[in-house]
Structures are given as C-alpha cells and as structure tokens.
Amino acid sequence: MSSLYPFKFTPVFKDKIWGGQQIRTVLNQDFAPLPNCGEMWVVSGIPGDESVVSNGELQGNTLPELVEIYMDELLGEKVYERYGEVFPILVKFIDTNDWLSVQVHPGDDMAQKIHEEPFGKTEMWYILQSGHDAQLVSGFVKETTKEKFLEQLDLKKVTELLNYETVANGDVFFVPAGRIHAIGPNILLAEIQQTSDLTYRVYDWDRLDVDGLPRDLHTPLGVEALDYSAVKDAKTIYSKRTDQGVNLVNCPAFCTNILELKNGLHLNYAELDSFVILLCTKGKVKILWDESQEQILAGEALLIPASINEIDLLPEGDAEVLEIYISE
C-alpha cells in the first residue's frame, strides 16, 4: 500500500480582459472578487502559481514540495529521471467572452536558449461548452513565410492568413509549439500543456487594455517561433466509447485519453510508471483505491501518484473524465 494518496488542489483563478462567467456558472467555482475569470488553473507547478493540496494529511503543501519530497514515488521513475523536480504538466480551464490574442508558443529548444526555461509549450484543448458558430484559430490556412506574415501584420490583414475552425462541444485540438493560434469568444475548454507560461503575442485585434493602451506584442520572438506551414487537420477525429478509454493525444509532452463513464471502470497503472491526472469535465465521479475513496466534480482534478497501481472509477450518473499522464 502506498504512503501517498490521490491529491486534490485549491484552484488558482486568473482575471483576463477577455474572460467570462462560465467557470462560475458551468463549473460551479466561485472566483470572487474577480470580475472576468478567464482561467482556472487546477494542477500547476508554475512558480508563483503552485497548486496547494486541499485534502488529506498533506493539505497545505504545494505541488513542487510534493515533488521534492516524494520524487519518483509521486512522478514515476522514468518521469523523474527525465524531468527531475519540475512537475511537467499544467492543467487549466479557459473561459472566453472575447477573442484571445493571436499567439504562438516556443518549443523546448527556443525556451531553453532564449529564456533559460526547461520547456516550451505544446498544448491541447478539449471543448466543454461552445456558443453558436463559436470559432478558434489553429495554424495558417495556407503555407506562408516570415516576410509575408510581417507584411500582412503591417497592413493589419494578418487575419487573412489564419485557419479558422468552428467548434462544438467535445471537439479536440492539438496545438504543438510553433503553431499560431487564438481562442474565440463563447468557449469553455480544458487545456492540457507543458509546464510553461511562455507566450508570444503577435496580434491582438487592435484591442486596447483597461488603460486605453495597445497591449504589448512580442513580434520579433513570435516570428522566429512560428511554423509557417498550412494546417489541414487541426481538429482531432475520435469516437467515444462508454466505460472505455479513447486516446485523444499521445505526444512526448503528455498523453490524454477520454473516459466516458456510465457504469464504472477499473484502471491498472502498474506498468505505466507515471503519475496520472484525472480531470472531470462532466458529472461526478468517485475514485476508489486501497480501501479509500475521493470524489471529483466537473471542474476538479485529482492527481494519482505513480505508486498507486490500481483504482476504480464509479460515476454518479453519466460522467466524463480526461486521463492525463506521461507515456514516452
């Protein structure tokens, strides 16, 4: 029996100029006194925004403290060998009432060379709620060049280069480092990403900030980070299967499966050698292990230490969970 147990965390809320109210109205999270909560970070090792344990004997400890103390018992041997004491995944919810900036994230090499940070930022999005004809941007609609991009930026016509995707509930988008992207209004999504907060804003819809000033752009870095190829397959195609895991993304940074639950599911992690994050996106799920139990609701996450080999998921009614871990 492991000395560790599945961890719940106190969420970190972020007010954004483009933020909305669905984190409160859909996910039932109270982010007062923030007027427009754009992000809720549920598992984070980012300095200054570390997740704090909210359950059990280790309540009050931060996620980096857990990693420092429990090392491979928490992360898994191969994960600890690869990442050391940096927790490698950041999980958040994003709620939009307006367009986010058009942006790009650097890859690992650029993050290490320019910023002396361990990771760039590859991410994925899972759409929980979307308004009628809600859209986002993922990649360029046709192949372009740095010169053409800068020219269109100067002419305020850069939006003509972008690949727009209409979104629906349940849609999945994989966004590798280097891909230009932006999330449109009226979307609530879960984002799984590398532990990095490096973002290069290259266009912001000519929007002004709360002080009436244009927001800062990071164009010189952004144009060096961009992948200028066309994107034809921005949306991930998959089919849900009741009480079975279905893979959505499997890349070196993370693996994400979707679990649509009706009766329940037994999971054996004995050969995985990685921590697992269970992110509830719908309903209510009870997690049983070692004669103990914990519950998560939509909008909550549970971190399963690598030392726990078997768990059972028991939904109360229909539920849905994203299962996240390191597989490569």
C-alpha atoms as a PDB file:
ATOM      1  CA  MET A   1       0.000   0.000   0.000  1.00  0.00           C
ATOM      2  CA  SER A   2       1.360   3.412  -0.995  1.00  0.00           C
ATOM      3  CA  SER A   3       2.074   6.030   1.663  1.00  0.00           C
ATOM      4  CA  LEU A   4       0.760   8.612  -0.808  1.00  0.00           C
ATOM      5  CA  TYR A   5      -2.840   9.172  -1.836  1.00  0.00           C
ATOM      6  CA  PRO A   6      -4.683  10.975  -4.685  1.00  0.00           C
ATOM      7  CA  PHE A   7      -4.379  14.737  -4.288  1.00  0.00           C
ATOM      8  CA  LYS A   8      -6.956  17.449  -4.807  1.00  0.00           C
ATOM      9  CA  PHE A   9      -5.839  21.064  -5.110  1.00  0.00           C
ATOM     10  CA  THR A  10      -7.185  24.543  -4.458  1.00  0.00           C
ATOM     11  CA  PRO A  11      -7.707  26.208  -7.866  1.00  0.00           C
ATOM     12  CA  VAL A  12      -5.848  29.339  -8.948  1.00  0.00           C
ATOM     13  CA  PHE A  13      -8.069  31.893 -10.712  1.00  0.00           C
ATOM     14  CA  LYS A  14      -6.877  34.392 -13.336  1.00  0.00           C
ATOM     15  CA  ASP A  15      -8.794  37.534 -14.294  1.00  0.00           C
ATOM     16  CA  LYS A  16      -8.469  38.318 -18.016  1.00  0.00           C
ATOM     17  CA  ILE A  17      -9.623  41.160 -20.250  1.00  0.00           C
ATOM     18  CA  TRP A  18     -11.357  38.516 -22.403  1.00  0.00           C
ATOM     19  CA  GLY A  19     -12.659  36.364 -19.525  1.00  0.00           C
ATOM     20  CA  GLY A  20     -16.265  35.344 -18.890  1.00  0.00           C
ATOM     21  CA  GLN A  21     -18.501  33.770 -16.257  1.00  0.00           C
ATOM     22  CA  GLN A  22     -18.765  30.073 -17.235  1.00  0.00           C
ATOM     23  CA  ILE A  23     -16.187  28.924 -14.699  1.00  0.00           C
ATOM     24  CA  ARG A  24     -18.753  30.100 -12.154  1.00  0.00           C
ATOM     25  CA  THR A  25     -21.998  29.189 -13.944  1.00  0.00           C
ATOM     26  CA  VAL A  26     -20.983  25.872 -15.594  1.00  0.00           C
ATOM     27  CA  LEU A  27     -18.203  24.570 -13.330  1.00  0.00           C
ATOM     28  CA  ASN A  28     -19.701  25.990 -10.106  1.00  0.00           C
ATOM     29  CA  GLN A  29     -16.475  27.631  -8.980  1.00  0.00           C
ATOM     30  CA  ASP A  30     -16.608  30.879  -7.009  1.00  0.00           C
ATOM     31  CA  PHE A  31     -13.823  33.162  -8.225  1.00  0.00           C
ATOM     32  CA  ALA A  32     -14.981  36.315  -6.367  1.00  0.00           C
ATOM     33  CA  PRO A  33     -13.859  39.090  -6.359  1.00  0.00           C
ATOM     34  CA  LEU A  34     -12.600  38.709  -9.959  1.00  0.00           C
ATOM     35  CA  PRO A  35     -14.980  40.340 -12.482  1.00  0.00           C
ATOM     36  CA  ASN A  36     -13.953  38.305 -15.558  1.00  0.00           C
ATOM     37  CA  CYS A  37     -12.292  34.988 -14.755  1.00  0.00           C
ATOM     38  CA  GLY A  38     -10.598  33.767 -17.910  1.00  0.00           C
ATOM     39  CA  GLU A  39      -8.577  30.891 -16.461  1.00  0.00           C
ATOM     40  CA  MET A  40      -8.759  28.407 -13.603  1.00  0.00           C
ATOM     41  CA  TRP A  41      -5.516  26.514 -13.028  1.00  0.00           C
ATOM     42  CA  VAL A  42      -6.268  23.162 -11.374  1.00  0.00           C
ATOM     43  CA  VAL A  43      -2.844  21.450 -11.476  1.00  0.00           C
ATOM     44  CA  SER A  44       0.188  23.739 -11.628  1.00  0.00           C
ATOM     45  CA  GLY A  45       3.841  23.733 -10.672  1.00  0.00           C
ATOM     46  CA  ILE A  46       4.468  27.190 -12.190  1.00  0.00           C
ATOM     47  CA  PRO A  47       6.447  29.362  -9.729  1.00  0.00           C
ATOM     48  CA  GLY A  48       4.104  31.840  -8.077  1.00  0.00           C
ATOM     49  CA  ASP A  49       1.046  29.847  -9.098  1.00  0.00           C
ATOM     50  CA  GLU A  50       1.770  26.489  -7.473  1.00  0.00           C
ATOM     51  CA  SER A  51      -1.170  24.223  -6.705  1.00  0.00           C
ATOM     52  CA  VAL A  52      -1.793  23.708  -2.973  1.00  0.00           C
ATOM     53  CA  VAL A  53      -3.114  20.380  -1.659  1.00  0.00           C
ATOM     54  CA  SER A  54      -6.662  20.694  -0.314  1.00  0.00           C
ATOM     55  CA  ASN A  55      -7.268  17.161   1.005  1.00  0.00           C
ATOM     56  CA  GLY A  56      -5.741  14.611   3.368  1.00  0.00           C
ATOM     57  CA  GLU A  57      -2.708  14.620   5.637  1.00  0.00           C
ATOM     58  CA  LEU A  58      -0.570  16.694   3.242  1.00  0.00           C
ATOM     59  CA  GLN A  59      -3.109  19.508   2.980  1.00  0.00           C
ATOM     60  CA  GLY A  60      -1.346  22.870   2.635  1.00  0.00           C
ATOM     61  CA  ASN A  61       1.716  21.502   0.815  1.00  0.00           C
ATOM     62  CA  THR A  62       2.420  22.807  -2.682  1.00  0.00           C
ATOM     63  CA  LEU A  63       2.833  20.565  -5.704  1.00  0.00           C
ATOM     64  CA  PRO A  64       6.568  21.409  -6.044  1.00  0.00           C
ATOM     65  CA  GLU A  65       7.028  20.471  -2.369  1.00  0.00           C
ATOM     66  CA  LEU A  66       5.416  17.093  -3.029  1.00  0.00           C
ATOM     67  CA  VAL A  67       7.732  16.508  -5.988  1.00  0.00           C
ATOM     68  CA  GLU A  68      10.800  17.492  -3.938  1.00  0.00           C
ATOM     69  CA  ILE A  69       9.886  15.144  -1.073  1.00  0.00           C
ATOM     70  CA  TYR A  70       8.387  12.142  -2.865  1.00  0.00           C
ATOM     71  CA  MET A  71      10.234  12.284  -6.214  1.00  0.00           C
ATOM     72  CA  ASP A  72       9.730   9.097  -8.251  1.00  0.00           C
ATOM     73  CA  GLU A  73       7.126   7.773  -5.806  1.00  0.00           C
ATOM     74  CA  LEU A  74       4.913  10.615  -6.988  1.00  0.00           C
ATOM     75  CA  LEU A  75       6.098  11.100 -10.578  1.00  0.00           C
ATOM     76  CA  GLY A  76       7.261   7.629 -11.618  1.00  0.00           C
ATOM     77  CA  GLU A  77      10.879   6.579 -12.157  1.00  0.00           C
ATOM     78  CA  LYS A  78      11.134   7.404 -15.861  1.00  0.00           C
ATOM     79  CA  VAL A  79       9.315  10.721 -15.415  1.00  0.00           C
ATOM     80  CA  TYR A  80      11.550  11.739 -12.512  1.00  0.00           C
ATOM     81  CA  GLU A  81      14.681  10.786 -14.476  1.00  0.00           C
ATOM     82  CA  ARG A  82      13.508  12.958 -17.370  1.00  0.00           C
ATOM     83  CA  TYR A  83      12.111  15.989 -15.540  1.00  0.00           C
ATOM     84  CA  GLY A  84      13.711  15.985 -12.108  1.00  0.00           C
ATOM     85  CA  GLU A  85      11.862  18.190  -9.628  1.00  0.00           C
ATOM     86  CA  VAL A  86       9.847  20.109 -12.242  1.00  0.00           C
ATOM     87  CA  PHE A  87       6.259  18.889 -12.459  1.00  0.00           C
ATOM     88  CA  PRO A  88       5.898  18.600 -16.252  1.00  0.00           C
ATOM     89  CA  ILE A  89       2.187  19.268 -16.919  1.00  0.00           C
ATOM     90  CA  LEU A  90      -0.085  22.270 -16.345  1.00  0.00           C
ATOM     91  CA  VAL A  91      -3.863  21.742 -16.479  1.00  0.00           C
ATOM     92  CA  LYS A  92      -6.354  24.593 -16.634  1.00  0.00           C
ATOM     93  CA  PHE A  93      -9.825  25.636 -17.765  1.00  0.00           C
ATOM     94  CA  ILE A  94     -10.231  28.644 -20.074  1.00  0.00           C
ATOM     95  CA  ASP A  95     -13.456  30.641 -20.480  1.00  0.00           C
ATOM     96  CA  THR A  96     -13.708  33.283 -23.186  1.00  0.00           C
ATOM     97  CA  ASN A  97     -16.042  36.236 -23.623  1.00  0.00           C
ATOM     98  CA  ASP A  98     -13.903  37.712 -26.426  1.00  0.00           C
ATOM     99  CA  TRP A  99     -11.068  36.679 -28.721  1.00  0.00           C
ATOM    100  CA  LEU A 100      -7.770  35.852 -27.061  1.00  0.00           C
ATOM    101  CA  SER A 101      -4.731  37.344 -28.754  1.00  0.00           C
ATOM    102  CA  VAL A 102      -3.251  35.659 -31.816  1.00  0.00           C
ATOM    103  CA  GLN A 103      -0.183  33.979 -30.369  1.00  0.00           C
ATOM    104  CA  VAL A 104       2.457  31.298 -30.621  1.00  0.00           C
ATOM    105  CA  HIS A 105       4.482  29.343 -28.074  1.00  0.00           C
ATOM    106  CA  PRO A 106       8.170  28.448 -28.414  1.00  0.00           C
ATOM    107  CA  GLY A 107       9.432  24.883 -28.487  1.00  0.00           C
ATOM    108  CA  ASP A 108      11.785  23.438 -25.875  1.00  0.00           C
ATOM    109  CA  ASP A 109      14.968  24.462 -27.713  1.00  0.00           C
ATOM    110  CA  MET A 110      13.923  28.105 -28.050  1.00  0.00           C
ATOM    111  CA  ALA A 111      12.655  28.234 -24.450  1.00  0.00           C
ATOM    112  CA  GLN A 112      15.995  26.939 -23.177  1.00  0.00           C
ATOM    113  CA  LYS A 113      18.135  29.131 -25.440  1.00  0.00           C
ATOM    114  CA  ILE A 114      16.243  32.436 -25.121  1.00  0.00           C
ATOM    115  CA  HIS A 115      14.613  32.230 -21.696  1.00  0.00           C
ATOM    116  CA  GLU A 116      16.677  29.585 -19.857  1.00  0.00           C
ATOM    117  CA  GLU A 117      13.384  27.819 -19.159  1.00  0.00           C
ATOM    118  CA  PRO A 118      13.205  23.999 -19.293  1.00  0.00           C
ATOM    119  CA  PHE A 119      10.118  23.741 -21.538  1.00  0.00           C
ATOM    120  CA  GLY A 120       8.408  25.370 -24.427  1.00  0.00           C
ATOM    121  CA  LYS A 121       4.666  24.951 -24.708  1.00  0.00           C
ATOM    122  CA  THR A 122       2.832  22.258 -26.603  1.00  0.00           C
ATOM    123  CA  GLU A 123      -0.821  22.050 -25.609  1.00  0.00           C
ATOM    124  CA  MET A 124      -4.234  20.597 -26.405  1.00  0.00           C
ATOM    125  CA  TRP A 125      -7.796  21.830 -25.993  1.00  0.00           C
ATOM    126  CA  TYR A 126     -10.949  19.902 -25.121  1.00  0.00           C
ATOM    127  CA  ILE A 127     -14.149  21.909 -25.712  1.00  0.00           C
ATOM    128  CA  LEU A 128     -16.691  21.673 -22.863  1.00  0.00           C
ATOM    129  CA  GLN A 129     -19.119  24.376 -23.963  1.00  0.00           C
ATOM    130  CA  SER A 130     -19.350  26.485 -27.111  1.00  0.00           C
ATOM    131  CA  GLY A 131     -21.741  29.150 -28.331  1.00  0.00           C
ATOM    132  CA  HIS A 132     -23.447  29.115 -31.726  1.00  0.00           C
ATOM    133  CA  ASP A 133     -20.841  29.368 -34.509  1.00  0.00           C
ATOM    134  CA  ALA A 134     -18.016  29.744 -31.957  1.00  0.00           C
ATOM    135  CA  GLN A 135     -14.610  29.722 -33.633  1.00  0.00           C
ATOM    136  CA  LEU A 136     -10.937  29.434 -32.904  1.00  0.00           C
ATOM    137  CA  VAL A 137      -7.735  29.749 -34.923  1.00  0.00           C
ATOM    138  CA  SER A 138      -5.289  26.886 -35.362  1.00  0.00           C
ATOM    139  CA  GLY A 139      -2.452  27.386 -37.845  1.00  0.00           C
ATOM    140  CA  PHE A 140      -2.223  29.103 -41.204  1.00  0.00           C
ATOM    141  CA  VAL A 141      -4.852  28.453 -43.874  1.00  0.00           C
ATOM    142  CA  LYS A 142      -2.084  28.122 -46.464  1.00  0.00           C
ATOM    143  CA  GLU A 143       1.690  27.997 -46.323  1.00  0.00           C
ATOM    144  CA  THR A 144       3.269  31.390 -45.791  1.00  0.00           C
ATOM    145  CA  THR A 145       6.626  32.975 -44.913  1.00  0.00           C
ATOM    146  CA  LYS A 146       8.014  35.235 -42.224  1.00  0.00           C
ATOM    147  CA  GLU A 147       8.209  38.080 -44.756  1.00  0.00           C
ATOM    148  CA  LYS A 148       4.593  37.657 -45.865  1.00  0.00           C
ATOM    149  CA  PHE A 149       3.426  37.419 -42.271  1.00  0.00           C
ATOM    150  CA  LEU A 150       5.184  40.662 -41.300  1.00  0.00           C
ATOM    151  CA  GLU A 151       3.809  42.381 -44.386  1.00  0.00           C
ATOM    152  CA  GLN A 152       0.239  41.366 -43.527  1.00  0.00           C
ATOM    153  CA  LEU A 153       0.815  42.406 -39.922  1.00  0.00           C
ATOM    154  CA  ASP A 154       1.844  45.902 -41.051  1.00  0.00           C
ATOM    155  CA  LEU A 155      -1.236  46.121 -43.292  1.00  0.00           C
ATOM    156  CA  LYS A 156      -3.486  44.934 -40.408  1.00  0.00           C
ATOM    157  CA  LYS A 157      -4.528  42.000 -42.622  1.00  0.00           C
ATOM    158  CA  VAL A 158      -2.862  39.167 -40.744  1.00  0.00           C
ATOM    159  CA  THR A 159      -6.274  37.594 -40.049  1.00  0.00           C
ATOM    160  CA  GLU A 160      -6.488  36.697 -43.757  1.00  0.00           C
ATOM    161  CA  LEU A 161      -3.661  34.190 -43.242  1.00  0.00           C
ATOM    162  CA  LEU A 162      -5.304  32.299 -40.379  1.00  0.00           C
ATOM    163  CA  ASN A 163      -7.106  28.950 -40.377  1.00  0.00           C
ATOM    164  CA  TYR A 164     -10.481  29.341 -38.638  1.00  0.00           C
ATOM    165  CA  GLU A 165     -12.276  26.327 -37.147  1.00  0.00           C
ATOM    166  CA  THR A 166     -15.902  26.244 -35.995  1.00  0.00           C
ATOM    167  CA  VAL A 167     -16.104  24.367 -32.696  1.00  0.00           C
ATOM    168  CA  ALA A 168     -18.671  22.158 -30.984  1.00  0.00           C
ATOM    169  CA  ASN A 169     -18.850  20.523 -27.560  1.00  0.00           C
ATOM    170  CA  GLY A 170     -16.427  17.595 -27.365  1.00  0.00           C
ATOM    171  CA  ASP A 171     -14.066  18.872 -30.063  1.00  0.00           C
ATOM    172  CA  VAL A 172     -10.342  18.306 -29.543  1.00  0.00           C
ATOM    173  CA  PHE A 173      -7.485  20.397 -30.924  1.00  0.00           C
ATOM    174  CA  PHE A 174      -3.787  19.558 -30.594  1.00  0.00           C
ATOM    175  CA  VAL A 175      -1.629  22.703 -30.698  1.00  0.00           C
ATOM    176  CA  PRO A 176       2.094  21.916 -30.975  1.00  0.00           C
ATOM    177  CA  ALA A 177       4.686  24.553 -30.137  1.00  0.00           C
ATOM    178  CA  GLY A 178       5.179  26.834 -33.144  1.00  0.00           C
ATOM    179  CA  ARG A 179       1.552  26.804 -34.310  1.00  0.00           C
ATOM    180  CA  ILE A 180      -0.200  30.170 -34.480  1.00  0.00           C
ATOM    181  CA  HIS A 181      -3.496  30.066 -32.604  1.00  0.00           C
ATOM    182  CA  ALA A 182      -6.260  32.015 -30.883  1.00  0.00           C
ATOM    183  CA  ILE A 183      -9.413  31.040 -28.988  1.00  0.00           C
ATOM    184  CA  GLY A 184     -12.601  32.856 -29.932  1.00  0.00           C
ATOM    185  CA  PRO A 185     -15.462  34.066 -27.721  1.00  0.00           C
ATOM    186  CA  ASN A 186     -18.120  31.932 -26.006  1.00  0.00           C
ATOM    187  CA  ILE A 187     -15.924  28.882 -25.451  1.00  0.00           C
ATOM    188  CA  LEU A 188     -15.217  26.959 -22.247  1.00  0.00           C
ATOM    189  CA  LEU A 189     -12.384  24.478 -22.664  1.00  0.00           C
ATOM    190  CA  ALA A 190      -9.901  22.359 -20.767  1.00  0.00           C
ATOM    191  CA  GLU A 191      -6.255  22.934 -21.674  1.00  0.00           C
ATOM    192  CA  ILE A 192      -3.505  20.396 -21.042  1.00  0.00           C
ATOM    193  CA  GLN A 193       0.001  21.731 -21.663  1.00  0.00           C
ATOM    194  CA  GLN A 194       3.652  21.567 -20.807  1.00  0.00           C
ATOM    195  CA  THR A 195       4.630  23.409 -17.642  1.00  0.00           C
ATOM    196  CA  SER A 196       5.420  26.731 -19.264  1.00  0.00           C
ATOM    197  CA  ASP A 197       3.928  30.213 -19.304  1.00  0.00           C
ATOM    198  CA  LEU A 198       5.861  31.383 -22.378  1.00  0.00           C
ATOM    199  CA  THR A 199       3.546  33.072 -24.874  1.00  0.00           C
ATOM    200  CA  TYR A 200       4.413  35.375 -27.776  1.00  0.00           C
ATOM    201  CA  ARG A 201       1.502  37.655 -28.656  1.00  0.00           C
ATOM    202  CA  VAL A 202       1.764  38.630 -32.333  1.00  0.00           C
ATOM    203  CA  TYR A 203      -1.626  40.293 -32.923  1.00  0.00           C
ATOM    204  CA  ASP A 204      -4.387  41.450 -30.582  1.00  0.00           C
ATOM    205  CA  TRP A 205      -7.271  42.510 -32.842  1.00  0.00           C
ATOM    206  CA  ASP A 206      -6.264  46.185 -32.354  1.00  0.00           C
ATOM    207  CA  ARG A 207      -7.689  45.920 -28.841  1.00  0.00           C
ATOM    208  CA  LEU A 208      -6.888  48.388 -26.041  1.00  0.00           C
ATOM    209  CA  ASP A 209      -6.213  47.401 -22.439  1.00  0.00           C
ATOM    210  CA  VAL A 210      -8.019  48.736 -19.354  1.00  0.00           C
ATOM    211  CA  ASP A 211      -5.840  51.863 -19.503  1.00  0.00           C
ATOM    212  CA  GLY A 212      -6.762  52.536 -23.142  1.00  0.00           C
ATOM    213  CA  LEU A 213      -3.367  51.429 -24.454  1.00  0.00           C
ATOM    214  CA  PRO A 214      -2.487  48.740 -27.017  1.00  0.00           C
ATOM    215  CA  ARG A 215      -1.341  45.511 -25.384  1.00  0.00           C
ATOM    216  CA  ASP A 216       2.311  44.606 -25.772  1.00  0.00           C
ATOM    217  CA  LEU A 217       3.242  42.400 -28.723  1.00  0.00           C
ATOM    218  CA  HIS A 218       6.204  40.034 -28.953  1.00  0.00           C
ATOM    219  CA  THR A 219       6.589  40.061 -32.719  1.00  0.00           C
ATOM    220  CA  PRO A 220      10.396  39.574 -33.062  1.00  0.00           C
ATOM    221  CA  LEU A 221      10.308  36.407 -30.925  1.00  0.00           C
ATOM    222  CA  GLY A 222       6.986  35.283 -32.359  1.00  0.00           C
ATOM    223  CA  VAL A 223       8.110  35.275 -35.984  1.00  0.00           C
ATOM    224  CA  GLU A 224      11.131  33.155 -35.042  1.00  0.00           C
ATOM    225  CA  ALA A 225       8.965  30.639 -33.184  1.00  0.00           C
ATOM    226  CA  LEU A 226       6.276  30.296 -35.892  1.00  0.00           C
ATOM    227  CA  ASP A 227       5.755  27.259 -38.071  1.00  0.00           C
ATOM    228  CA  TYR A 228       4.616  28.772 -41.387  1.00  0.00           C
ATOM    229  CA  SER A 229       3.211  25.601 -42.932  1.00  0.00           C
ATOM    230  CA  ALA A 230      -0.508  25.169 -43.681  1.00  0.00           C
ATOM    231  CA  VAL A 231      -2.734  23.267 -41.243  1.00  0.00           C
ATOM    232  CA  LYS A 232      -5.270  20.876 -42.798  1.00  0.00           C
ATOM    233  CA  ASP A 233      -6.150  18.661 -39.826  1.00  0.00           C
ATOM    234  CA  ALA A 234      -6.454  20.973 -36.822  1.00  0.00           C
ATOM    235  CA  LYS A 235      -9.343  19.039 -35.284  1.00  0.00           C
ATOM    236  CA  THR A 236      -8.708  15.578 -33.808  1.00  0.00           C
ATOM    237  CA  ILE A 237     -11.180  12.947 -35.002  1.00  0.00           C
ATOM    238  CA  TYR A 238     -12.226  10.351 -32.404  1.00  0.00           C
ATOM    239  CA  SER A 239     -15.236   8.362 -31.207  1.00  0.00           C
ATOM    240  CA  LYS A 240     -16.207   7.999 -27.561  1.00  0.00           C
ATOM    241  CA  ARG A 241     -16.782   4.521 -26.110  1.00  0.00           C
ATOM    242  CA  THR A 242     -18.731   4.038 -22.901  1.00  0.00           C
ATOM    243  CA  ASP A 243     -16.657   2.811 -19.957  1.00  0.00           C
ATOM    244  CA  GLN A 244     -13.516   2.574 -22.094  1.00  0.00           C
ATOM    245  CA  GLY A 245     -10.568   4.868 -22.610  1.00  0.00           C
ATOM    246  CA  VAL A 246     -10.152   6.527 -26.022  1.00  0.00           C
ATOM    247  CA  ASN A 247      -6.866   8.229 -26.886  1.00  0.00           C
ATOM    248  CA  LEU A 248      -7.028  11.895 -27.894  1.00  0.00           C
ATOM    249  CA  VAL A 249      -3.363  12.939 -27.884  1.00  0.00           C
ATOM    250  CA  ASN A 250      -0.139  10.996 -27.448  1.00  0.00           C
ATOM    251  CA  CYS A 251       2.996  13.113 -27.761  1.00  0.00           C
ATOM    252  CA  PRO A 252       6.294  13.326 -25.838  1.00  0.00           C
ATOM    253  CA  ALA A 253       4.880  16.077 -23.588  1.00  0.00           C
ATOM    254  CA  PHE A 254       1.731  14.231 -22.460  1.00  0.00           C
ATOM    255  CA  CYS A 255      -0.828  11.565 -23.264  1.00  0.00           C
ATOM    256  CA  THR A 256      -4.548  12.323 -22.883  1.00  0.00           C
ATOM    257  CA  ASN A 257      -7.418   9.835 -23.037  1.00  0.00           C
ATOM    258  CA  ILE A 258     -11.127  10.481 -22.652  1.00  0.00           C
ATOM    259  CA  LEU A 259     -13.187   8.226 -20.387  1.00  0.00           C
ATOM    260  CA  GLU A 260     -16.951   8.384 -20.892  1.00  0.00           C
ATOM    261  CA  LEU A 261     -18.403   6.741 -17.790  1.00  0.00           C
ATOM    262  CA  LYS A 262     -21.787   5.180 -17.199  1.00  0.00           C
ATOM    263  CA  ASN A 263     -21.308   2.017 -15.106  1.00  0.00           C
ATOM    264  CA  GLY A 264     -17.695   2.412 -13.972  1.00  0.00           C
ATOM    265  CA  LEU A 265     -14.158   1.456 -14.899  1.00  0.00           C
ATOM    266  CA  HIS A 266     -11.227  -0.366 -13.275  1.00  0.00           C
ATOM    267  CA  LEU A 267      -7.800   1.055 -14.184  1.00  0.00           C
ATOM    268  CA  ASN A 268      -4.470  -0.718 -13.655  1.00  0.00           C
ATOM    269  CA  TYR A 269      -1.433   1.574 -13.745  1.00  0.00           C
ATOM    270  CA  ALA A 270       1.150  -0.989 -12.592  1.00  0.00           C
ATOM    271  CA  GLU A 271       3.116  -0.823 -15.873  1.00  0.00           C
ATOM    272  CA  LEU A 272       2.613   2.888 -16.574  1.00  0.00           C
ATOM    273  CA  ASP A 273       5.447   4.346 -14.429  1.00  0.00           C
ATOM    274  CA  SER A 274       3.869   7.801 -14.413  1.00  0.00           C
ATOM    275  CA  PHE A 275       1.590   9.931 -12.271  1.00  0.00           C
ATOM    276  CA  VAL A 276      -1.946  10.295 -13.652  1.00  0.00           C
ATOM    277  CA  ILE A 277      -4.179  13.371 -13.583  1.00  0.00           C
ATOM    278  CA  LEU A 278      -7.922  12.721 -13.721  1.00  0.00           C
ATOM    279  CA  LEU A 279      -9.748  15.856 -14.892  1.00  0.00           C
ATOM    280  CA  CYS A 280     -13.513  15.735 -14.547  1.00  0.00           C
ATOM    281  CA  THR A 281     -15.285  17.514 -17.416  1.00  0.00           C
ATOM    282  CA  LYS A 282     -18.837  16.303 -16.781  1.00  0.00           C
ATOM    283  CA  GLY A 283     -20.805  14.942 -13.855  1.00  0.00           C
ATOM    284  CA  LYS A 284     -19.477  13.424 -10.653  1.00  0.00           C
ATOM    285  CA  VAL A 285     -17.034  10.538 -10.183  1.00  0.00           C
ATOM    286  CA  LYS A 286     -15.941   8.589  -7.124  1.00  0.00           C
ATOM    287  CA  ILE A 287     -12.358   7.240  -7.158  1.00  0.00           C
ATOM    288  CA  LEU A 288     -11.621   4.169  -5.031  1.00  0.00           C
ATOM    289  CA  TRP A 289      -8.143   2.895  -4.090  1.00  0.00           C
ATOM    290  CA  ASP A 290      -6.654   0.869  -1.223  1.00  0.00           C
ATOM    291  CA  GLU A 291      -9.983   0.791   0.610  1.00  0.00           C
ATOM    292  CA  SER A 292     -10.147   4.590   0.467  1.00  0.00           C
ATOM    293  CA  GLN A 293     -12.092   6.968  -1.760  1.00  0.00           C
ATOM    294  CA  GLU A 294     -12.233  10.539  -3.089  1.00  0.00           C
ATOM    295  CA  GLN A 295     -14.717  12.360  -5.308  1.00  0.00           C
ATOM    296  CA  ILE A 296     -14.309  14.859  -8.129  1.00  0.00           C
ATOM    297  CA  LEU A 297     -16.933  17.010  -9.839  1.00  0.00           C
ATOM    298  CA  ALA A 298     -16.847  18.750 -13.213  1.00  0.00           C
ATOM    299  CA  GLY A 299     -14.091  21.363 -12.983  1.00  0.00           C
ATOM    300  CA  GLU A 300     -11.969  19.396 -10.495  1.00  0.00           C
ATOM    301  CA  ALA A 301      -8.813  17.320 -10.908  1.00  0.00           C
ATOM    302  CA  LEU A 302      -7.219  14.504  -8.942  1.00  0.00           C
ATOM    303  CA  LEU A 303      -3.508  13.684  -9.078  1.00  0.00           C
ATOM    304  CA  ILE A 304      -2.865   9.942  -8.750  1.00  0.00           C
ATOM    305  CA  PRO A 305       0.713   9.234  -7.563  1.00  0.00           C
ATOM    306  CA  ALA A 306       2.732   6.745  -9.633  1.00  0.00           C
ATOM    307  CA  SER A 307       2.963   4.485  -6.567  1.00  0.00           C
ATOM    308  CA  ILE A 308      -0.786   3.741  -6.707  1.00  0.00           C
ATOM    309  CA  ASN A 309      -1.246   0.856  -9.131  1.00  0.00           C
ATOM    310  CA  GLU A 310      -4.997   0.319  -9.264  1.00  0.00           C
ATOM    311  CA  ILE A 311      -8.085   2.495  -8.966  1.00  0.00           C
ATOM    312  CA  ASP A 312     -11.805   2.194  -9.688  1.00  0.00           C
ATOM    313  CA  LEU A 313     -13.911   4.979 -11.159  1.00  0.00           C
ATOM    314  CA  LEU A 314     -17.575   4.980 -10.162  1.00  0.00           C
ATOM    315  CA  PRO A 315     -19.729   7.697 -11.763  1.00  0.00           C
ATOM    316  CA  GLU A 316     -22.907   9.041 -10.235  1.00  0.00           C
ATOM    317  CA  GLY A 317     -24.999   9.092 -13.406  1.00  0.00           C
ATOM    318  CA  ASP A 318     -23.231   9.872 -16.674  1.00  0.00           C
ATOM    319  CA  ALA A 319     -19.795  11.431 -16.280  1.00  0.00           C
ATOM    320  CA  GLU A 320     -16.693  12.209 -18.294  1.00  0.00           C
ATOM    321  CA  VAL A 321     -13.033  12.337 -17.313  1.00  0.00           C
ATOM    322  CA  LEU A 322      -9.821  13.210 -19.114  1.00  0.00           C
ATOM    323  CA  GLU A 323      -6.965  10.874 -18.121  1.00  0.00           C
ATOM    324  CA  ILE A 324      -3.535  12.539 -18.454  1.00  0.00           C
ATOM    325  CA  TYR A 325      -0.041  11.131 -17.981  1.00  0.00           C
ATOM    326  CA  ILE A 326       3.456  10.869 -19.496  1.00  0.00           C
ATOM    327  CA  SER A 327       3.748   7.907 -21.845  1.00  0.00           C
ATOM    328  CA  GLU A 328       7.000   8.458 -23.765  1.00  0.00           C
END
